[in-house]
Amino acid sequence: QLAETLSTKTPSPEMQKNLAEAYLRLADVAHSVGEDTQAERAYSEAQVFLGTLTAEHPDNTEYVALQARALHELAVLQEDQGKFGEALASNEHALELRQSLVASNPDDPNLRRGLADSYNNLAVLYKSQGNLAEAASFSEKALEARNQLIEAEMDDEAVQIEYAESLGNFGLLKMEEGLTDEALDSFSAKLPVDRSSS
């Protein structure tokens, strides 16, 4: 395999990043067509390069963000395969990286969006296991993170859609917990108004 072929050499950081991204693209395609074994292998190959990059350049935001994305996508694959323990570990690692990135770069909307995605992933995972309390907790964190994003990026339709989905997801979880009033509050909530356009 390519990672093994290059193991005796020292590729540049840029080459390692490009190789990791190539493996991630391969994994995404393989997963989308149901080739989960090949997808998992490609994610593992990407992690070889990303692990080296982040170990050697721990303060490089781009490399750490790429590793978090790889872990996030691997967690989705693992959940689809029914490997919930592994999916939880991958999600938690991605969350830890993204929390650190946002703490160091609080004004970067892409990093904050990734953090919201990690919260949402964990909410979905816990809900699938019937742990509604943990699911609701992470769903609320995703909602809060996306609320902050939508206040900063009112013209971004994708962010507005994600926020609306978070409202619905949080409401459904509260319904399942039997907390009808909180569920109705979430269902009836509206998107923040962009006062700058008024």
C-alpha atoms as a PDB file:
ATOM      1  CA  GLN A   1       0.000   0.000   0.000  1.00  0.00           C
ATOM      2  CA  LEU A   2       1.035   3.572  -0.578  1.00  0.00           C
ATOM      3  CA  ALA A   3       1.504   4.381   3.127  1.00  0.00           C
ATOM      4  CA  GLU A   4       3.844   1.402   3.454  1.00  0.00           C
ATOM      5  CA  THR A   5       5.720   2.305   0.264  1.00  0.00           C
ATOM      6  CA  LEU A   6       6.415   5.784   1.623  1.00  0.00           C
ATOM      7  CA  SER A   7       7.278   4.586   5.117  1.00  0.00           C
ATOM      8  CA  THR A   8      10.984   4.423   4.272  1.00  0.00           C
ATOM      9  CA  LYS A   9      10.936   7.977   2.930  1.00  0.00           C
ATOM     10  CA  THR A  10      10.083  11.315   4.476  1.00  0.00           C
ATOM     11  CA  PRO A  11       7.444  13.033   2.332  1.00  0.00           C
ATOM     12  CA  SER A  12       6.957  16.738   2.840  1.00  0.00           C
ATOM     13  CA  PRO A  13       4.092  17.928   5.054  1.00  0.00           C
ATOM     14  CA  GLU A  14       2.259  19.207   1.972  1.00  0.00           C
ATOM     15  CA  MET A  15       2.570  15.819   0.265  1.00  0.00           C
ATOM     16  CA  GLN A  16       1.343  14.037   3.398  1.00  0.00           C
ATOM     17  CA  LYS A  17      -1.657  16.372   3.534  1.00  0.00           C
ATOM     18  CA  ASN A  18      -2.436  15.783  -0.143  1.00  0.00           C
ATOM     19  CA  LEU A  19      -2.182  12.017   0.312  1.00  0.00           C
ATOM     20  CA  ALA A  20      -4.453  12.126   3.355  1.00  0.00           C
ATOM     21  CA  GLU A  21      -7.025  14.146   1.421  1.00  0.00           C
ATOM     22  CA  ALA A  22      -6.825  11.669  -1.475  1.00  0.00           C
ATOM     23  CA  TYR A  23      -7.500   8.774   0.893  1.00  0.00           C
ATOM     24  CA  LEU A  24     -10.407  10.674   2.431  1.00  0.00           C
ATOM     25  CA  ARG A  25     -11.956  11.242  -0.989  1.00  0.00           C
ATOM     26  CA  LEU A  26     -11.522   7.543  -1.776  1.00  0.00           C
ATOM     27  CA  ALA A  27     -13.120   6.612   1.553  1.00  0.00           C
ATOM     28  CA  ASP A  28     -16.074   8.946   0.955  1.00  0.00           C
ATOM     29  CA  VAL A  29     -16.714   7.446  -2.484  1.00  0.00           C
ATOM     30  CA  ALA A  30     -16.327   3.875  -1.233  1.00  0.00           C
ATOM     31  CA  HIS A  31     -18.728   4.512   1.650  1.00  0.00           C
ATOM     32  CA  SER A  32     -21.284   6.125  -0.647  1.00  0.00           C
ATOM     33  CA  VAL A  33     -21.432   2.998  -2.843  1.00  0.00           C
ATOM     34  CA  GLY A  34     -21.499   0.562   0.067  1.00  0.00           C
ATOM     35  CA  GLU A  35     -17.864  -0.572  -0.082  1.00  0.00           C
ATOM     36  CA  ASP A  36     -17.420  -0.152   3.652  1.00  0.00           C
ATOM     37  CA  THR A  37     -14.361  -2.381   4.010  1.00  0.00           C
ATOM     38  CA  GLN A  38     -12.500  -0.373   1.390  1.00  0.00           C
ATOM     39  CA  ALA A  39     -13.740   2.873   2.970  1.00  0.00           C
ATOM     40  CA  GLU A  40     -12.483   1.858   6.404  1.00  0.00           C
ATOM     41  CA  ARG A  41      -9.101   0.896   4.957  1.00  0.00           C
ATOM     42  CA  ALA A  42      -8.834   4.266   3.217  1.00  0.00           C
ATOM     43  CA  TYR A  43      -9.723   6.145   6.400  1.00  0.00           C
ATOM     44  CA  SER A  44      -7.002   4.177   8.211  1.00  0.00           C
ATOM     45  CA  GLU A  45      -4.462   5.086   5.527  1.00  0.00           C
ATOM     46  CA  ALA A  46      -5.440   8.759   5.847  1.00  0.00           C
ATOM     47  CA  GLN A  47      -4.920   8.557   9.599  1.00  0.00           C
ATOM     48  CA  VAL A  48      -1.334   7.336   9.072  1.00  0.00           C
ATOM     49  CA  PHE A  49      -0.444  10.617   7.392  1.00  0.00           C
ATOM     50  CA  LEU A  50      -2.647  12.802   9.586  1.00  0.00           C
ATOM     51  CA  GLY A  51      -1.255  11.271  12.763  1.00  0.00           C
ATOM     52  CA  THR A  52       2.261  12.105  11.635  1.00  0.00           C
ATOM     53  CA  LEU A  53       1.300  15.622  10.565  1.00  0.00           C
ATOM     54  CA  THR A  54      -0.463  16.539  13.787  1.00  0.00           C
ATOM     55  CA  ALA A  55       2.263  14.989  15.921  1.00  0.00           C
ATOM     56  CA  GLU A  56       4.940  17.005  14.153  1.00  0.00           C
ATOM     57  CA  HIS A  57       2.835  20.167  13.729  1.00  0.00           C
ATOM     58  CA  PRO A  58       0.359  20.215  16.647  1.00  0.00           C
ATOM     59  CA  ASP A  59      -0.320  23.941  16.246  1.00  0.00           C
ATOM     60  CA  ASN A  60      -1.190  23.731  12.555  1.00  0.00           C
ATOM     61  CA  THR A  61      -4.921  24.432  12.414  1.00  0.00           C
ATOM     62  CA  GLU A  62      -5.355  23.005   8.920  1.00  0.00           C
ATOM     63  CA  TYR A  63      -3.802  19.646   9.787  1.00  0.00           C
ATOM     64  CA  VAL A  64      -5.718  19.265  13.060  1.00  0.00           C
ATOM     65  CA  ALA A  65      -8.999  20.257  11.377  1.00  0.00           C
ATOM     66  CA  LEU A  66      -8.389  17.674   8.662  1.00  0.00           C
ATOM     67  CA  GLN A  67      -7.768  14.971  11.256  1.00  0.00           C
ATOM     68  CA  ALA A  68     -10.982  15.946  13.052  1.00  0.00           C
ATOM     69  CA  ARG A  69     -12.897  15.725   9.782  1.00  0.00           C
ATOM     70  CA  ALA A  70     -11.413  12.285   9.068  1.00  0.00           C
ATOM     71  CA  LEU A  71     -12.418  11.033  12.528  1.00  0.00           C
ATOM     72  CA  HIS A  72     -15.894  12.520  12.117  1.00  0.00           C
ATOM     73  CA  GLU A  73     -16.446  10.725   8.810  1.00  0.00           C
ATOM     74  CA  LEU A  74     -14.952   7.495  10.137  1.00  0.00           C
ATOM     75  CA  ALA A  75     -17.418   7.655  13.037  1.00  0.00           C
ATOM     76  CA  VAL A  76     -20.326   7.898  10.590  1.00  0.00           C
ATOM     77  CA  LEU A  77     -19.046   4.795   8.792  1.00  0.00           C
ATOM     78  CA  GLN A  78     -18.557   2.913  12.059  1.00  0.00           C
ATOM     79  CA  GLU A  79     -22.070   3.754  13.186  1.00  0.00           C
ATOM     80  CA  ASP A  80     -23.476   2.522   9.860  1.00  0.00           C
ATOM     81  CA  GLN A  81     -21.580  -0.738  10.465  1.00  0.00           C
ATOM     82  CA  GLY A  82     -23.062  -1.085  13.941  1.00  0.00           C
ATOM     83  CA  LYS A  83     -19.687  -0.521  15.625  1.00  0.00           C
ATOM     84  CA  PHE A  84     -21.110   1.852  18.219  1.00  0.00           C
ATOM     85  CA  GLY A  85     -18.206   1.658  20.670  1.00  0.00           C
ATOM     86  CA  GLU A  86     -15.710   2.526  17.952  1.00  0.00           C
ATOM     87  CA  ALA A  87     -17.997   5.234  16.577  1.00  0.00           C
ATOM     88  CA  LEU A  88     -18.261   6.802  20.021  1.00  0.00           C
ATOM     89  CA  ALA A  89     -14.466   6.819  20.436  1.00  0.00           C
ATOM     90  CA  SER A  90     -13.949   8.393  16.999  1.00  0.00           C
ATOM     91  CA  ASN A  91     -16.659  10.991  17.650  1.00  0.00           C
ATOM     92  CA  GLU A  92     -15.223  11.905  21.041  1.00  0.00           C
ATOM     93  CA  HIS A  93     -11.714  12.272  19.590  1.00  0.00           C
ATOM     94  CA  ALA A  94     -13.046  14.494  16.790  1.00  0.00           C
ATOM     95  CA  LEU A  95     -14.980  16.554  19.339  1.00  0.00           C
ATOM     96  CA  GLU A  96     -11.894  17.007  21.516  1.00  0.00           C
ATOM     97  CA  LEU A  97      -9.878  18.250  18.534  1.00  0.00           C
ATOM     98  CA  ARG A  98     -12.640  20.600  17.395  1.00  0.00           C
ATOM     99  CA  GLN A  99     -13.182  22.048  20.855  1.00  0.00           C
ATOM    100  CA  SER A 100      -9.468  22.820  21.020  1.00  0.00           C
ATOM    101  CA  LEU A 101      -9.516  24.377  17.551  1.00  0.00           C
ATOM    102  CA  VAL A 102     -12.476  26.625  18.362  1.00  0.00           C
ATOM    103  CA  ALA A 103     -10.911  27.659  21.668  1.00  0.00           C
ATOM    104  CA  SER A 104      -7.814  28.782  19.767  1.00  0.00           C
ATOM    105  CA  ASN A 105      -9.708  30.240  16.788  1.00  0.00           C
ATOM    106  CA  PRO A 106     -13.094  31.434  18.123  1.00  0.00           C
ATOM    107  CA  ASP A 107     -13.863  33.631  15.111  1.00  0.00           C
ATOM    108  CA  ASP A 108     -13.405  30.937  12.457  1.00  0.00           C
ATOM    109  CA  PRO A 109     -16.935  29.949  11.310  1.00  0.00           C
ATOM    110  CA  ASN A 110     -15.779  26.771   9.579  1.00  0.00           C
ATOM    111  CA  LEU A 111     -14.221  25.447  12.776  1.00  0.00           C
ATOM    112  CA  ARG A 112     -17.322  26.358  14.776  1.00  0.00           C
ATOM    113  CA  ARG A 113     -19.475  24.630  12.196  1.00  0.00           C
ATOM    114  CA  GLY A 114     -17.364  21.500  12.542  1.00  0.00           C
ATOM    115  CA  LEU A 115     -17.843  21.623  16.295  1.00  0.00           C
ATOM    116  CA  ALA A 116     -21.618  21.812  15.835  1.00  0.00           C
ATOM    117  CA  ASP A 117     -21.429  18.793  13.527  1.00  0.00           C
ATOM    118  CA  SER A 118     -19.553  16.810  16.182  1.00  0.00           C
ATOM    119  CA  TYR A 119     -22.174  17.633  18.802  1.00  0.00           C
ATOM    120  CA  ASN A 120     -24.883  16.583  16.363  1.00  0.00           C
ATOM    121  CA  ASN A 121     -23.100  13.318  15.520  1.00  0.00           C
ATOM    122  CA  LEU A 122     -22.919  12.404  19.191  1.00  0.00           C
ATOM    123  CA  ALA A 123     -26.594  13.257  19.656  1.00  0.00           C
ATOM    124  CA  VAL A 124     -27.522  10.920  16.795  1.00  0.00           C
ATOM    125  CA  LEU A 125     -25.283   8.165  18.136  1.00  0.00           C
ATOM    126  CA  TYR A 126     -26.665   8.310  21.670  1.00  0.00           C
ATOM    127  CA  LYS A 127     -30.245   8.434  20.375  1.00  0.00           C
ATOM    128  CA  SER A 128     -29.625   5.289  18.331  1.00  0.00           C
ATOM    129  CA  GLN A 129     -28.589   3.569  21.571  1.00  0.00           C
ATOM    130  CA  GLY A 130     -31.684   4.750  23.418  1.00  0.00           C
ATOM    131  CA  ASN A 131     -29.780   7.156  25.682  1.00  0.00           C
ATOM    132  CA  LEU A 132     -32.154  10.078  25.266  1.00  0.00           C
ATOM    133  CA  ALA A 133     -30.683  12.176  28.080  1.00  0.00           C
ATOM    134  CA  GLU A 134     -27.187  12.209  26.541  1.00  0.00           C
ATOM    135  CA  ALA A 135     -28.659  12.652  23.074  1.00  0.00           C
ATOM    136  CA  ALA A 136     -30.666  15.686  24.219  1.00  0.00           C
ATOM    137  CA  SER A 137     -27.617  17.165  25.942  1.00  0.00           C
ATOM    138  CA  PHE A 138     -25.499  16.989  22.776  1.00  0.00           C
ATOM    139  CA  SER A 139     -28.415  18.067  20.610  1.00  0.00           C
ATOM    140  CA  GLU A 140     -28.789  21.191  22.745  1.00  0.00           C
ATOM    141  CA  LYS A 141     -25.062  21.915  22.394  1.00  0.00           C
ATOM    142  CA  ALA A 142     -25.361  21.544  18.609  1.00  0.00           C
ATOM    143  CA  LEU A 143     -28.322  23.903  18.660  1.00  0.00           C
ATOM    144  CA  GLU A 144     -26.428  26.490  20.692  1.00  0.00           C
ATOM    145  CA  ALA A 145     -23.394  26.257  18.413  1.00  0.00           C
ATOM    146  CA  ARG A 146     -25.523  26.653  15.307  1.00  0.00           C
ATOM    147  CA  ASN A 147     -27.429  29.541  16.863  1.00  0.00           C
ATOM    148  CA  GLN A 148     -24.113  31.351  17.324  1.00  0.00           C
ATOM    149  CA  LEU A 149     -23.224  30.597  13.713  1.00  0.00           C
ATOM    150  CA  ILE A 150     -26.494  31.847  12.323  1.00  0.00           C
ATOM    151  CA  GLU A 151     -26.150  35.095  14.248  1.00  0.00           C
ATOM    152  CA  ALA A 152     -22.737  35.588  12.637  1.00  0.00           C
ATOM    153  CA  GLU A 153     -23.650  34.377   9.130  1.00  0.00           C
ATOM    154  CA  MET A 154     -27.245  35.355   8.476  1.00  0.00           C
ATOM    155  CA  ASP A 155     -26.817  35.180   4.691  1.00  0.00           C
ATOM    156  CA  ASP A 156     -25.611  31.565   4.705  1.00  0.00           C
ATOM    157  CA  GLU A 157     -28.592  29.426   3.726  1.00  0.00           C
ATOM    158  CA  ALA A 158     -26.865  26.164   4.629  1.00  0.00           C
ATOM    159  CA  VAL A 159     -26.277  27.380   8.200  1.00  0.00           C
ATOM    160  CA  GLN A 160     -29.925  28.409   8.483  1.00  0.00           C
ATOM    161  CA  ILE A 161     -31.059  24.977   7.279  1.00  0.00           C
ATOM    162  CA  GLU A 162     -28.761  23.221   9.765  1.00  0.00           C
ATOM    163  CA  TYR A 163     -30.085  25.430  12.568  1.00  0.00           C
ATOM    164  CA  ALA A 164     -33.678  24.640  11.625  1.00  0.00           C
ATOM    165  CA  GLU A 165     -32.838  20.919  11.561  1.00  0.00           C
ATOM    166  CA  SER A 166     -31.262  21.212  15.015  1.00  0.00           C
ATOM    167  CA  LEU A 167     -34.429  22.830  16.337  1.00  0.00           C
ATOM    168  CA  GLY A 168     -36.483  19.957  14.956  1.00  0.00           C
ATOM    169  CA  ASN A 169     -34.115  17.277  16.253  1.00  0.00           C
ATOM    170  CA  PHE A 170     -34.037  18.806  19.716  1.00  0.00           C
ATOM    171  CA  GLY A 171     -37.824  19.031  19.750  1.00  0.00           C
ATOM    172  CA  LEU A 172     -38.209  15.379  18.753  1.00  0.00           C
ATOM    173  CA  LEU A 173     -35.840  14.297  21.520  1.00  0.00           C
ATOM    174  CA  LYS A 174     -37.779  16.280  24.080  1.00  0.00           C
ATOM    175  CA  MET A 175     -41.005  14.671  22.842  1.00  0.00           C
ATOM    176  CA  GLU A 176     -39.472  11.222  23.305  1.00  0.00           C
ATOM    177  CA  GLU A 177     -38.393  12.226  26.823  1.00  0.00           C
ATOM    178  CA  GLY A 178     -41.994  13.218  27.545  1.00  0.00           C
ATOM    179  CA  LEU A 179     -41.102  16.912  27.905  1.00  0.00           C
ATOM    180  CA  THR A 180     -43.894  18.229  25.712  1.00  0.00           C
ATOM    181  CA  ASP A 181     -43.614  21.903  26.644  1.00  0.00           C
ATOM    182  CA  GLU A 182     -39.907  22.025  25.809  1.00  0.00           C
ATOM    183  CA  ALA A 183     -40.577  20.175  22.559  1.00  0.00           C
ATOM    184  CA  LEU A 184     -43.275  22.646  21.546  1.00  0.00           C
ATOM    185  CA  ASP A 185     -40.978  25.557  22.367  1.00  0.00           C
ATOM    186  CA  SER A 186     -38.372  24.113  20.030  1.00  0.00           C
ATOM    187  CA  PHE A 187     -40.856  23.402  17.246  1.00  0.00           C
ATOM    188  CA  SER A 188     -42.288  26.917  17.448  1.00  0.00           C
ATOM    189  CA  ALA A 189     -38.927  28.709  17.595  1.00  0.00           C
ATOM    190  CA  LYS A 190     -38.045  30.904  14.663  1.00  0.00           C
ATOM    191  CA  LEU A 191     -34.763  31.725  12.993  1.00  0.00           C
ATOM    192  CA  PRO A 192     -33.067  34.865  14.336  1.00  0.00           C
ATOM    193  CA  VAL A 193     -33.946  37.977  12.383  1.00  0.00           C
ATOM    194  CA  ASP A 194     -31.184  39.685  10.450  1.00  0.00           C
ATOM    195  CA  ARG A 195     -31.621  43.214  11.702  1.00  0.00           C
ATOM    196  CA  SER A 196     -28.847  44.521   9.458  1.00  0.00           C
ATOM    197  CA  SER A 197     -31.115  44.145   6.414  1.00  0.00           C
ATOM    198  CA  SER A 198     -34.052  45.984   7.953  1.00  0.00           C
END
